[in-house]
Amino acid sequence: VLVGEGLETFFDREVLVLRLNQNGTLDPTFNGGGFGYYWPASSGTECWDAAFHPDGRIILVGTHEAIDPFLCAINMDGTWSGQANFSGAPFGIDAMFYGVAVQADGKIVCAGYALTGASVSDMMIGCFNSDLSPDLGFSADGYAFPSFEVTGYDVARDVLIQTDGCILVGGYATSSNGQYFALARYFPHLTLGLLNLRQSCE
C-alpha cells in the first residue's frame, strides 16, 4: 500500500491510496482499480503514513489544510469506512501527524508536531481508540508533547511499538546550536517515564 496526496479535480488535494501486486501492478480488487481518492473533510488533505489495523482497516494520518492533524480509516478493499478524526488539535494550534503505528490491543498511536509559539514546536504524540476517539487512558486528553529545545523546532517523523509495548518516537530537534536526532519513549497508557535521548547529527 502506498499513500500520499493527489488531485482528483484541478483544485482539490485529496488523500490518495494505491495497492500494488507483488509484481508492481495495480491491484484491481482494491476499490475497483487499484487506487482511491478520499476526501474525509474538504480539499487540502495530505497523507503521510499508513498502518494496518488488526480488524482489517487501513489507518491513514497526515494534515488538513496544513494546520490540523487528521486520522482516518479505509476498509481493506479500498472503500471508505466513514471514520475520520479532524479534531486532532484540541489545543487550537497548528499541528501535523507524520507517522502512525497500531498497538497489539488495536489502539492507534500517531506522531508529529504542534506549534507552541512563533518558530517553536514540540513533538506531538496522540493515542486513539479503535474508533479513532482519543485514548484518555494515555493522558488527560490523549496527547503528549515531549520537548527537547525551549526555542526551536522539535518534530517527530515516525513512531513504532516496541516488543515490550513501549511507544518509541523518532525525529529531530533544532535550535540555534544545530539540529539533533531526538528520541522519546513512553510506556503504553502512561505519560510518566519519558526518556529523552539526543545526539548531534554531525
N, C-alpha and C. Protein backbone atom coordinates (compact mmCIF):
# COMPACT_ATOMS: atom_id res chain seq x y z
N VAL A 1 0.84 -1.18 0.00
CA VAL A 1 0.00 0.00 0.00
C VAL A 1 0.89 1.24 0.00
N LEU A 2 0.60 2.18 -0.91
CA LEU A 2 1.30 3.45 -1.00
C LEU A 2 0.31 4.57 -0.71
N VAL A 3 0.75 5.61 0.00
CA VAL A 3 -0.15 6.72 0.33
C VAL A 3 0.52 8.04 0.00
N GLY A 4 -0.30 9.05 -0.22
CA GLY A 4 0.20 10.39 -0.50
C GLY A 4 -0.97 11.33 -0.73
N GLU A 5 -0.81 12.27 -1.61
CA GLU A 5 -1.90 13.16 -1.97
C GLU A 5 -2.03 13.20 -3.48
N GLY A 6 -3.23 13.45 -3.94
CA GLY A 6 -3.47 13.52 -5.38
C GLY A 6 -4.53 14.54 -5.69
N LEU A 7 -4.62 14.91 -6.95
CA LEU A 7 -5.62 15.86 -7.41
C LEU A 7 -6.67 15.10 -8.21
N GLU A 8 -7.81 14.82 -7.56
CA GLU A 8 -8.89 14.18 -8.30
C GLU A 8 -9.56 15.19 -9.22
N THR A 9 -9.62 16.43 -8.78
CA THR A 9 -10.02 17.54 -9.64
C THR A 9 -8.90 18.55 -9.62
N PHE A 10 -9.03 19.61 -10.41
CA PHE A 10 -7.92 20.55 -10.56
C PHE A 10 -7.58 21.27 -9.26
N PHE A 11 -8.59 21.50 -8.41
CA PHE A 11 -8.36 22.32 -7.23
C PHE A 11 -8.29 21.53 -5.93
N ASP A 12 -8.71 20.29 -5.90
CA ASP A 12 -8.88 19.58 -4.64
C ASP A 12 -7.75 18.59 -4.39
N ARG A 13 -6.96 18.85 -3.34
CA ARG A 13 -5.94 17.90 -2.91
C ARG A 13 -6.60 16.91 -1.95
N GLU A 14 -6.51 15.64 -2.30
CA GLU A 14 -7.15 14.61 -1.50
C GLU A 14 -6.15 13.51 -1.17
N VAL A 15 -6.54 12.70 -0.20
CA VAL A 15 -5.73 11.54 0.16
C VAL A 15 -5.77 10.54 -1.00
N LEU A 16 -4.61 10.07 -1.42
CA LEU A 16 -4.50 9.08 -2.49
C LEU A 16 -3.87 7.81 -1.93
N VAL A 17 -4.51 6.68 -2.14
CA VAL A 17 -4.01 5.39 -1.68
C VAL A 17 -3.98 4.42 -2.86
N LEU A 18 -2.85 3.74 -3.03
CA LEU A 18 -2.70 2.73 -4.07
C LEU A 18 -2.33 1.41 -3.42
N ARG A 19 -2.83 0.31 -3.97
CA ARG A 19 -2.38 -1.01 -3.53
C ARG A 19 -1.84 -1.76 -4.73
N LEU A 20 -0.62 -2.27 -4.59
CA LEU A 20 0.08 -2.91 -5.69
C LEU A 20 0.18 -4.41 -5.46
N ASN A 21 0.18 -5.15 -6.57
CA ASN A 21 0.51 -6.57 -6.51
C ASN A 21 2.01 -6.75 -6.31
N GLN A 22 2.43 -7.97 -6.09
CA GLN A 22 3.85 -8.23 -5.86
C GLN A 22 4.71 -7.86 -7.06
N ASN A 23 4.13 -7.87 -8.26
CA ASN A 23 4.89 -7.52 -9.45
C ASN A 23 4.86 -6.01 -9.75
N GLY A 24 4.24 -5.23 -8.85
CA GLY A 24 4.23 -3.78 -9.01
C GLY A 24 3.05 -3.22 -9.77
N THR A 25 2.17 -4.08 -10.27
CA THR A 25 0.99 -3.60 -10.98
C THR A 25 -0.11 -3.25 -9.97
N LEU A 26 -1.05 -2.40 -10.40
CA LEU A 26 -2.16 -2.04 -9.54
C LEU A 26 -3.05 -3.26 -9.26
N ASP A 27 -3.48 -3.39 -8.02
CA ASP A 27 -4.35 -4.49 -7.62
C ASP A 27 -5.80 -4.10 -7.93
N PRO A 28 -6.42 -4.71 -8.94
CA PRO A 28 -7.77 -4.30 -9.35
C PRO A 28 -8.84 -4.59 -8.32
N THR A 29 -8.55 -5.43 -7.32
CA THR A 29 -9.55 -5.72 -6.29
C THR A 29 -9.64 -4.60 -5.26
N PHE A 30 -8.72 -3.65 -5.31
CA PHE A 30 -8.73 -2.53 -4.36
C PHE A 30 -9.50 -1.37 -4.96
N ASN A 31 -10.68 -1.13 -4.44
CA ASN A 31 -11.53 -0.01 -4.87
C ASN A 31 -11.87 -0.07 -6.36
N GLY A 32 -11.81 -1.26 -6.95
CA GLY A 32 -12.21 -1.43 -8.34
C GLY A 32 -11.18 -1.05 -9.37
N GLY A 33 -9.99 -0.59 -8.94
CA GLY A 33 -9.00 -0.20 -9.93
C GLY A 33 -7.58 -0.10 -9.41
N GLY A 34 -7.39 -0.41 -8.13
CA GLY A 34 -6.05 -0.38 -7.56
C GLY A 34 -5.72 0.89 -6.80
N PHE A 35 -6.60 1.89 -6.86
CA PHE A 35 -6.33 3.13 -6.15
C PHE A 35 -7.64 3.80 -5.77
N GLY A 36 -7.55 4.76 -4.86
CA GLY A 36 -8.73 5.50 -4.46
C GLY A 36 -8.38 6.88 -3.95
N TYR A 37 -9.24 7.85 -4.23
CA TYR A 37 -9.13 9.19 -3.67
C TYR A 37 -10.12 9.30 -2.51
N TYR A 38 -9.66 9.91 -1.43
CA TYR A 38 -10.51 10.03 -0.25
C TYR A 38 -10.50 11.48 0.21
N TRP A 39 -11.68 11.98 0.46
CA TRP A 39 -11.88 13.38 0.79
C TRP A 39 -12.58 13.43 2.14
N PRO A 40 -11.86 13.11 3.24
CA PRO A 40 -12.50 12.97 4.54
C PRO A 40 -13.16 14.25 5.05
N ALA A 41 -12.64 15.41 4.71
CA ALA A 41 -13.22 16.67 5.21
C ALA A 41 -13.46 17.63 4.06
N SER A 42 -12.41 18.22 3.53
CA SER A 42 -12.50 19.12 2.39
C SER A 42 -11.16 19.09 1.69
N SER A 43 -11.01 19.93 0.68
CA SER A 43 -9.76 19.93 -0.07
C SER A 43 -8.61 20.34 0.83
N GLY A 44 -7.43 19.93 0.45
CA GLY A 44 -6.24 20.32 1.21
C GLY A 44 -5.76 19.28 2.19
N THR A 45 -6.09 18.01 1.97
CA THR A 45 -5.59 16.95 2.84
C THR A 45 -4.35 16.32 2.24
N GLU A 46 -3.35 16.07 3.09
CA GLU A 46 -2.11 15.43 2.69
C GLU A 46 -1.88 14.23 3.59
N CYS A 47 -1.64 13.06 3.02
CA CYS A 47 -1.42 11.84 3.79
C CYS A 47 0.07 11.52 3.85
N TRP A 48 0.56 11.23 5.07
CA TRP A 48 1.98 11.00 5.27
C TRP A 48 2.33 9.57 5.64
N ASP A 49 1.38 8.81 6.19
CA ASP A 49 1.75 7.46 6.62
C ASP A 49 0.48 6.61 6.74
N ALA A 50 0.69 5.29 6.77
CA ALA A 50 -0.41 4.35 6.89
C ALA A 50 0.02 3.17 7.74
N ALA A 51 -0.94 2.52 8.38
CA ALA A 51 -0.67 1.32 9.17
C ALA A 51 -1.89 0.41 9.07
N PHE A 52 -1.66 -0.88 9.23
CA PHE A 52 -2.75 -1.86 9.16
C PHE A 52 -3.29 -2.14 10.55
N HIS A 53 -4.60 -2.06 10.69
CA HIS A 53 -5.25 -2.34 11.96
C HIS A 53 -5.58 -3.83 12.03
N PRO A 54 -5.56 -4.43 13.22
CA PRO A 54 -5.87 -5.87 13.32
C PRO A 54 -7.25 -6.24 12.78
N ASP A 55 -8.19 -5.29 12.76
CA ASP A 55 -9.53 -5.61 12.26
C ASP A 55 -9.65 -5.51 10.74
N GLY A 56 -8.53 -5.21 10.05
CA GLY A 56 -8.53 -5.19 8.59
C GLY A 56 -8.56 -3.82 7.96
N ARG A 57 -8.80 -2.77 8.75
CA ARG A 57 -8.81 -1.43 8.18
C ARG A 57 -7.38 -0.93 7.93
N ILE A 58 -7.28 0.07 7.06
CA ILE A 58 -6.02 0.77 6.82
C ILE A 58 -6.15 2.14 7.48
N ILE A 59 -5.25 2.44 8.41
CA ILE A 59 -5.28 3.70 9.15
C ILE A 59 -4.37 4.70 8.44
N LEU A 60 -4.88 5.90 8.18
CA LEU A 60 -4.14 6.94 7.47
C LEU A 60 -4.00 8.18 8.35
N VAL A 61 -2.84 8.82 8.27
CA VAL A 61 -2.62 10.07 9.02
C VAL A 61 -1.95 11.10 8.13
N GLY A 62 -2.10 12.36 8.49
CA GLY A 62 -1.49 13.45 7.74
C GLY A 62 -1.92 14.79 8.28
N THR A 63 -2.19 15.72 7.37
CA THR A 63 -2.58 17.06 7.77
C THR A 63 -3.70 17.57 6.87
N HIS A 64 -4.54 18.40 7.42
CA HIS A 64 -5.63 19.02 6.68
C HIS A 64 -5.40 20.52 6.64
N GLU A 65 -5.30 21.06 5.44
CA GLU A 65 -5.04 22.49 5.24
C GLU A 65 -3.76 22.95 5.95
N ALA A 66 -2.83 22.01 6.17
CA ALA A 66 -1.52 22.30 6.75
C ALA A 66 -1.58 22.86 8.17
N ILE A 67 -2.75 22.72 8.85
CA ILE A 67 -2.83 23.23 10.21
C ILE A 67 -3.45 22.23 11.18
N ASP A 68 -4.21 21.26 10.70
CA ASP A 68 -4.87 20.31 11.59
C ASP A 68 -4.41 18.90 11.27
N PRO A 69 -3.98 18.13 12.27
CA PRO A 69 -3.67 16.73 12.02
C PRO A 69 -4.95 15.95 11.77
N PHE A 70 -4.89 14.97 10.86
CA PHE A 70 -6.07 14.14 10.64
C PHE A 70 -5.71 12.67 10.79
N LEU A 71 -6.72 11.92 11.16
CA LEU A 71 -6.64 10.48 11.32
C LEU A 71 -7.91 9.91 10.72
N CYS A 72 -7.78 8.96 9.80
CA CYS A 72 -8.97 8.35 9.21
C CYS A 72 -8.68 6.90 8.88
N ALA A 73 -9.72 6.19 8.47
CA ALA A 73 -9.59 4.77 8.17
C ALA A 73 -10.35 4.43 6.90
N ILE A 74 -9.76 3.53 6.11
CA ILE A 74 -10.47 2.96 4.97
C ILE A 74 -10.49 1.45 5.13
N ASN A 75 -11.43 0.80 4.47
CA ASN A 75 -11.51 -0.65 4.54
C ASN A 75 -10.43 -1.29 3.68
N MET A 76 -10.13 -2.54 3.96
CA MET A 76 -9.05 -3.22 3.24
C MET A 76 -9.32 -3.33 1.74
N ASP A 77 -10.61 -3.31 1.34
CA ASP A 77 -10.92 -3.39 -0.09
C ASP A 77 -10.89 -2.03 -0.77
N GLY A 78 -10.51 -0.98 -0.01
CA GLY A 78 -10.39 0.34 -0.60
C GLY A 78 -11.61 1.20 -0.47
N THR A 79 -12.68 0.69 0.10
CA THR A 79 -13.89 1.51 0.29
C THR A 79 -13.73 2.38 1.52
N TRP A 80 -14.45 3.49 1.53
CA TRP A 80 -14.38 4.45 2.63
C TRP A 80 -15.12 3.90 3.85
N SER A 81 -14.49 3.97 5.02
CA SER A 81 -15.09 3.42 6.23
C SER A 81 -16.05 4.40 6.90
N GLY A 82 -15.94 5.67 6.52
CA GLY A 82 -16.76 6.68 7.17
C GLY A 82 -16.18 7.19 8.47
N GLN A 83 -14.98 6.72 8.83
CA GLN A 83 -14.36 7.10 10.11
C GLN A 83 -13.24 8.10 9.87
N ALA A 84 -13.30 9.24 10.56
CA ALA A 84 -12.26 10.25 10.45
C ALA A 84 -12.26 11.09 11.71
N ASN A 85 -11.08 11.59 12.08
CA ASN A 85 -10.93 12.46 13.24
C ASN A 85 -10.10 13.66 12.82
N PHE A 86 -10.75 14.81 12.74
CA PHE A 86 -10.05 16.04 12.41
C PHE A 86 -9.98 16.98 13.61
N SER A 87 -10.35 16.48 14.78
CA SER A 87 -10.26 17.29 15.99
C SER A 87 -8.94 17.01 16.69
N GLY A 88 -7.91 16.69 15.88
CA GLY A 88 -6.64 16.26 16.44
C GLY A 88 -5.81 17.35 17.06
N ALA A 89 -6.32 18.57 17.15
CA ALA A 89 -5.56 19.65 17.79
C ALA A 89 -6.45 20.35 18.80
N PRO A 90 -6.73 19.72 19.93
CA PRO A 90 -7.63 20.32 20.90
C PRO A 90 -7.09 21.60 21.52
N PHE A 91 -5.79 21.80 21.33
CA PHE A 91 -5.14 22.98 21.90
C PHE A 91 -5.28 24.19 20.98
N GLY A 92 -5.87 24.01 19.80
CA GLY A 92 -6.17 25.13 18.93
C GLY A 92 -4.99 25.76 18.24
N ILE A 93 -3.93 24.97 17.97
CA ILE A 93 -2.76 25.50 17.28
C ILE A 93 -2.41 24.60 16.11
N ASP A 94 -1.55 25.09 15.22
CA ASP A 94 -1.17 24.32 14.04
C ASP A 94 -0.43 23.05 14.44
N ALA A 95 -0.77 21.95 13.76
CA ALA A 95 -0.15 20.68 14.08
C ALA A 95 -0.25 19.74 12.89
N MET A 96 0.50 18.63 12.96
CA MET A 96 0.54 17.68 11.85
C MET A 96 0.95 16.31 12.37
N PHE A 97 0.39 15.25 11.78
CA PHE A 97 0.83 13.89 12.03
C PHE A 97 1.70 13.42 10.87
N TYR A 98 2.88 12.85 11.20
CA TYR A 98 3.77 12.29 10.19
C TYR A 98 3.79 10.76 10.20
N GLY A 99 3.58 10.15 11.36
CA GLY A 99 3.72 8.70 11.47
C GLY A 99 2.59 8.08 12.26
N VAL A 100 2.34 6.78 12.04
CA VAL A 100 1.29 6.07 12.75
C VAL A 100 1.71 4.62 12.96
N ALA A 101 1.33 4.07 14.10
CA ALA A 101 1.56 2.66 14.41
C ALA A 101 0.36 2.17 15.20
N VAL A 102 0.13 0.86 15.18
CA VAL A 102 -1.02 0.28 15.87
C VAL A 102 -0.52 -0.69 16.93
N GLN A 103 -1.02 -0.54 18.15
CA GLN A 103 -0.66 -1.42 19.24
C GLN A 103 -1.36 -2.77 19.10
N ALA A 104 -0.89 -3.75 19.86
CA ALA A 104 -1.47 -5.09 19.80
C ALA A 104 -2.93 -5.10 20.22
N ASP A 105 -3.33 -4.15 21.09
CA ASP A 105 -4.72 -4.09 21.54
C ASP A 105 -5.61 -3.30 20.58
N GLY A 106 -5.05 -2.87 19.44
CA GLY A 106 -5.83 -2.15 18.44
C GLY A 106 -5.84 -0.65 18.60
N LYS A 107 -5.23 -0.14 19.67
CA LYS A 107 -5.17 1.31 19.83
C LYS A 107 -4.13 1.89 18.87
N ILE A 108 -4.36 3.12 18.47
CA ILE A 108 -3.59 3.75 17.39
C ILE A 108 -2.73 4.87 17.96
N VAL A 109 -1.46 4.88 17.60
CA VAL A 109 -0.53 5.91 18.09
C VAL A 109 -0.03 6.72 16.90
N CYS A 110 -0.18 8.03 16.97
CA CYS A 110 0.25 8.93 15.90
C CYS A 110 1.34 9.86 16.44
N ALA A 111 2.23 10.28 15.56
CA ALA A 111 3.33 11.16 15.98
C ALA A 111 3.53 12.26 14.95
N GLY A 112 3.86 13.44 15.43
CA GLY A 112 4.13 14.59 14.56
C GLY A 112 4.64 15.76 15.36
N TYR A 113 4.05 16.92 15.16
CA TYR A 113 4.47 18.10 15.92
C TYR A 113 3.29 19.05 16.08
N ALA A 114 3.44 19.96 17.03
CA ALA A 114 2.47 21.02 17.25
C ALA A 114 3.22 22.31 17.50
N LEU A 115 2.83 23.38 16.83
CA LEU A 115 3.43 24.68 17.07
C LEU A 115 2.99 25.20 18.43
N THR A 116 3.96 25.62 19.22
CA THR A 116 3.66 26.15 20.56
C THR A 116 3.99 27.63 20.67
N GLY A 117 4.44 28.23 19.58
CA GLY A 117 4.77 29.65 19.57
C GLY A 117 5.37 30.01 18.23
N ALA A 118 5.81 31.24 18.10
CA ALA A 118 6.44 31.69 16.86
C ALA A 118 7.76 30.95 16.67
N SER A 119 7.86 30.17 15.59
CA SER A 119 9.08 29.41 15.26
C SER A 119 9.46 28.42 16.35
N VAL A 120 8.47 27.91 17.07
CA VAL A 120 8.71 26.93 18.13
C VAL A 120 7.69 25.80 18.00
N SER A 121 8.15 24.56 18.08
CA SER A 121 7.24 23.43 18.07
C SER A 121 7.74 22.35 19.01
N ASP A 122 6.82 21.53 19.48
CA ASP A 122 7.13 20.35 20.28
C ASP A 122 6.69 19.11 19.52
N MET A 123 7.36 18.00 19.79
CA MET A 123 6.84 16.73 19.30
C MET A 123 5.42 16.54 19.82
N MET A 124 4.62 15.83 19.06
CA MET A 124 3.25 15.54 19.47
C MET A 124 2.98 14.06 19.30
N ILE A 125 2.51 13.41 20.37
CA ILE A 125 2.10 12.01 20.33
C ILE A 125 0.62 11.96 20.67
N GLY A 126 -0.17 11.35 19.80
CA GLY A 126 -1.59 11.18 20.06
C GLY A 126 -1.95 9.71 20.09
N CYS A 127 -2.67 9.28 21.11
CA CYS A 127 -3.10 7.89 21.22
C CYS A 127 -4.62 7.85 21.08
N PHE A 128 -5.12 6.92 20.24
CA PHE A 128 -6.54 6.87 19.92
C PHE A 128 -7.06 5.44 20.07
N ASN A 129 -8.34 5.36 20.42
CA ASN A 129 -9.01 4.07 20.47
C ASN A 129 -9.28 3.57 19.05
N SER A 130 -9.75 2.33 18.93
CA SER A 130 -10.01 1.76 17.62
C SER A 130 -11.05 2.55 16.82
N ASP A 131 -11.97 3.23 17.52
CA ASP A 131 -12.98 4.02 16.82
C ASP A 131 -12.49 5.44 16.50
N LEU A 132 -11.18 5.69 16.68
CA LEU A 132 -10.50 6.95 16.38
C LEU A 132 -10.78 8.05 17.41
N SER A 133 -11.43 7.74 18.50
CA SER A 133 -11.60 8.71 19.57
C SER A 133 -10.33 8.75 20.42
N PRO A 134 -10.01 9.90 21.06
CA PRO A 134 -8.81 10.00 21.88
C PRO A 134 -8.81 8.98 23.02
N ASP A 135 -7.66 8.39 23.27
CA ASP A 135 -7.50 7.43 24.36
C ASP A 135 -7.17 8.19 25.64
N LEU A 136 -8.15 8.40 26.48
CA LEU A 136 -7.96 9.17 27.70
C LEU A 136 -7.21 8.39 28.77
N GLY A 137 -6.92 7.12 28.49
CA GLY A 137 -6.07 6.36 29.39
C GLY A 137 -4.59 6.64 29.16
N PHE A 138 -4.28 7.26 28.02
CA PHE A 138 -2.88 7.61 27.72
C PHE A 138 -2.51 8.91 28.42
N SER A 139 -3.41 9.86 28.43
CA SER A 139 -3.21 11.13 29.13
C SER A 139 -4.58 11.77 29.30
N ALA A 140 -4.62 12.95 29.87
CA ALA A 140 -5.91 13.59 30.17
C ALA A 140 -6.72 13.84 28.90
N ASP A 141 -6.04 14.13 27.78
CA ASP A 141 -6.76 14.39 26.53
C ASP A 141 -6.30 13.50 25.39
N GLY A 142 -5.43 12.52 25.68
CA GLY A 142 -4.96 11.60 24.65
C GLY A 142 -3.68 12.02 23.98
N TYR A 143 -3.09 13.15 24.41
CA TYR A 143 -1.89 13.69 23.76
C TYR A 143 -0.75 13.87 24.75
N ALA A 144 0.47 13.80 24.21
CA ALA A 144 1.66 14.12 24.99
C ALA A 144 2.60 14.93 24.10
N PHE A 145 3.40 15.80 24.72
CA PHE A 145 4.24 16.74 23.97
C PHE A 145 5.66 16.76 24.52
N PRO A 146 6.48 15.76 24.18
CA PRO A 146 7.87 15.81 24.63
C PRO A 146 8.60 17.00 24.01
N SER A 147 9.32 17.72 24.84
CA SER A 147 10.03 18.93 24.39
C SER A 147 11.52 18.77 24.64
N PHE A 148 12.31 19.05 23.62
CA PHE A 148 13.76 18.93 23.72
C PHE A 148 14.44 20.29 23.76
N GLU A 149 13.93 21.24 23.01
CA GLU A 149 14.52 22.58 22.95
C GLU A 149 13.46 23.61 23.36
N VAL A 150 13.85 24.53 24.23
CA VAL A 150 12.92 25.57 24.67
C VAL A 150 12.56 26.47 23.50
N THR A 151 13.53 26.79 22.68
CA THR A 151 13.31 27.59 21.48
C THR A 151 13.82 26.81 20.28
N GLY A 152 12.97 26.56 19.32
CA GLY A 152 13.36 25.79 18.15
C GLY A 152 12.28 24.79 17.79
N TYR A 153 12.56 23.99 16.78
CA TYR A 153 11.59 23.04 16.28
C TYR A 153 11.92 21.63 16.78
N ASP A 154 10.96 21.02 17.45
CA ASP A 154 11.01 19.60 17.79
C ASP A 154 9.96 18.91 16.94
N VAL A 155 10.35 17.92 16.15
CA VAL A 155 9.43 17.27 15.21
C VAL A 155 9.61 15.76 15.29
N ALA A 156 8.52 15.04 15.45
CA ALA A 156 8.52 13.58 15.38
C ALA A 156 8.18 13.16 13.95
N ARG A 157 9.02 12.34 13.34
CA ARG A 157 8.78 11.92 11.97
C ARG A 157 8.25 10.49 11.85
N ASP A 158 8.38 9.69 12.91
CA ASP A 158 7.85 8.34 12.81
C ASP A 158 7.67 7.77 14.22
N VAL A 159 6.91 6.68 14.30
CA VAL A 159 6.61 6.04 15.57
C VAL A 159 6.53 4.54 15.36
N LEU A 160 6.98 3.77 16.34
CA LEU A 160 6.82 2.32 16.30
C LEU A 160 6.52 1.82 17.70
N ILE A 161 5.95 0.62 17.76
CA ILE A 161 5.64 -0.02 19.02
C ILE A 161 6.69 -1.11 19.25
N GLN A 162 7.42 -1.01 20.37
CA GLN A 162 8.45 -1.99 20.67
C GLN A 162 7.82 -3.30 21.14
N THR A 163 8.63 -4.37 21.18
CA THR A 163 8.11 -5.69 21.56
C THR A 163 7.61 -5.70 23.00
N ASP A 164 8.11 -4.79 23.84
CA ASP A 164 7.63 -4.72 25.22
C ASP A 164 6.42 -3.81 25.37
N GLY A 165 5.91 -3.29 24.24
CA GLY A 165 4.72 -2.45 24.27
C GLY A 165 5.00 -0.98 24.40
N CYS A 166 6.24 -0.59 24.62
CA CYS A 166 6.56 0.83 24.75
C CYS A 166 6.46 1.53 23.40
N ILE A 167 6.16 2.80 23.45
CA ILE A 167 6.00 3.63 22.25
C ILE A 167 7.29 4.39 22.02
N LEU A 168 7.92 4.19 20.87
CA LEU A 168 9.17 4.86 20.54
C LEU A 168 8.93 5.83 19.39
N VAL A 169 9.26 7.10 19.63
CA VAL A 169 9.05 8.15 18.64
C VAL A 169 10.40 8.74 18.27
N GLY A 170 10.67 8.88 16.97
CA GLY A 170 11.93 9.42 16.50
C GLY A 170 11.73 10.63 15.62
N GLY A 171 12.67 11.57 15.70
CA GLY A 171 12.59 12.77 14.89
C GLY A 171 13.82 13.62 15.09
N TYR A 172 13.62 14.94 15.16
CA TYR A 172 14.76 15.83 15.34
C TYR A 172 14.35 17.04 16.16
N ALA A 173 15.38 17.67 16.71
CA ALA A 173 15.21 18.92 17.45
C ALA A 173 16.19 19.94 16.88
N THR A 174 15.70 21.14 16.64
CA THR A 174 16.51 22.19 16.03
C THR A 174 16.55 23.41 16.94
N SER A 175 17.75 23.95 17.10
CA SER A 175 17.91 25.19 17.87
C SER A 175 19.02 25.99 17.23
N SER A 176 19.41 27.09 17.86
CA SER A 176 20.50 27.92 17.34
C SER A 176 21.83 27.17 17.36
N ASN A 177 21.91 26.08 18.12
CA ASN A 177 23.14 25.30 18.23
C ASN A 177 23.24 24.20 17.18
N GLY A 178 22.19 24.01 16.39
CA GLY A 178 22.23 22.98 15.36
C GLY A 178 21.02 22.09 15.43
N GLN A 179 21.10 20.97 14.72
CA GLN A 179 19.99 20.02 14.65
C GLN A 179 20.45 18.68 15.21
N TYR A 180 19.55 18.02 15.93
CA TYR A 180 19.90 16.80 16.64
C TYR A 180 18.87 15.71 16.35
N PHE A 181 19.33 14.46 16.42
CA PHE A 181 18.38 13.36 16.49
C PHE A 181 17.65 13.47 17.82
N ALA A 182 16.41 13.08 17.84
CA ALA A 182 15.64 13.13 19.08
C ALA A 182 14.76 11.89 19.17
N LEU A 183 14.83 11.21 20.32
CA LEU A 183 14.03 10.02 20.57
C LEU A 183 13.25 10.21 21.86
N ALA A 184 12.02 9.79 21.86
CA ALA A 184 11.21 9.81 23.08
C ALA A 184 10.53 8.46 23.22
N ARG A 185 10.47 7.96 24.44
CA ARG A 185 9.83 6.67 24.67
C ARG A 185 8.80 6.81 25.78
N TYR A 186 7.61 6.27 25.53
CA TYR A 186 6.53 6.30 26.50
C TYR A 186 6.09 4.89 26.83
N PHE A 187 5.73 4.68 28.09
CA PHE A 187 5.04 3.45 28.45
C PHE A 187 3.61 3.53 27.93
N PRO A 188 3.04 2.43 27.45
CA PRO A 188 1.66 2.49 26.95
C PRO A 188 0.69 2.87 28.05
N HIS A 189 -0.24 3.78 27.71
CA HIS A 189 -1.30 4.21 28.61
C HIS A 189 -0.79 5.07 29.77
N LEU A 190 0.47 5.47 29.74
CA LEU A 190 1.01 6.32 30.79
C LEU A 190 1.85 7.42 30.18
N THR A 191 1.76 8.64 30.70
CA THR A 191 2.64 9.70 30.24
C THR A 191 3.83 9.86 31.18
N LEU A 192 3.95 8.99 32.17
CA LEU A 192 5.09 9.00 33.06
C LEU A 192 6.22 8.20 32.45
N GLY A 193 7.44 8.43 32.89
CA GLY A 193 8.57 7.65 32.45
C GLY A 193 9.12 8.02 31.09
N LEU A 194 8.97 9.29 30.72
CA LEU A 194 9.50 9.75 29.45
C LEU A 194 11.02 9.68 29.44
N LEU A 195 11.57 9.09 28.39
CA LEU A 195 13.02 9.03 28.23
C LEU A 195 13.42 9.86 27.02
N ASN A 196 14.30 10.83 27.20
CA ASN A 196 14.78 11.66 26.11
C ASN A 196 16.22 11.32 25.81
N LEU A 197 16.52 11.06 24.55
CA LEU A 197 17.88 10.80 24.11
C LEU A 197 18.20 11.74 22.97
N ARG A 198 19.33 12.39 23.01
CA ARG A 198 19.65 13.37 21.97
C ARG A 198 21.12 13.25 21.61
N GLN A 199 21.44 13.34 20.32
CA GLN A 199 22.82 13.36 19.89
C GLN A 199 22.95 14.21 18.64
N SER A 200 24.15 14.68 18.40
CA SER A 200 24.38 15.56 17.26
C SER A 200 24.19 14.80 15.97
N CYS A 201 23.70 15.51 14.95
CA CYS A 201 23.55 14.90 13.62
C CYS A 201 24.83 15.04 12.79
N GLU A 202 25.86 15.59 13.35
CA GLU A 202 27.08 15.82 12.57
C GLU A 202 27.69 14.49 12.14
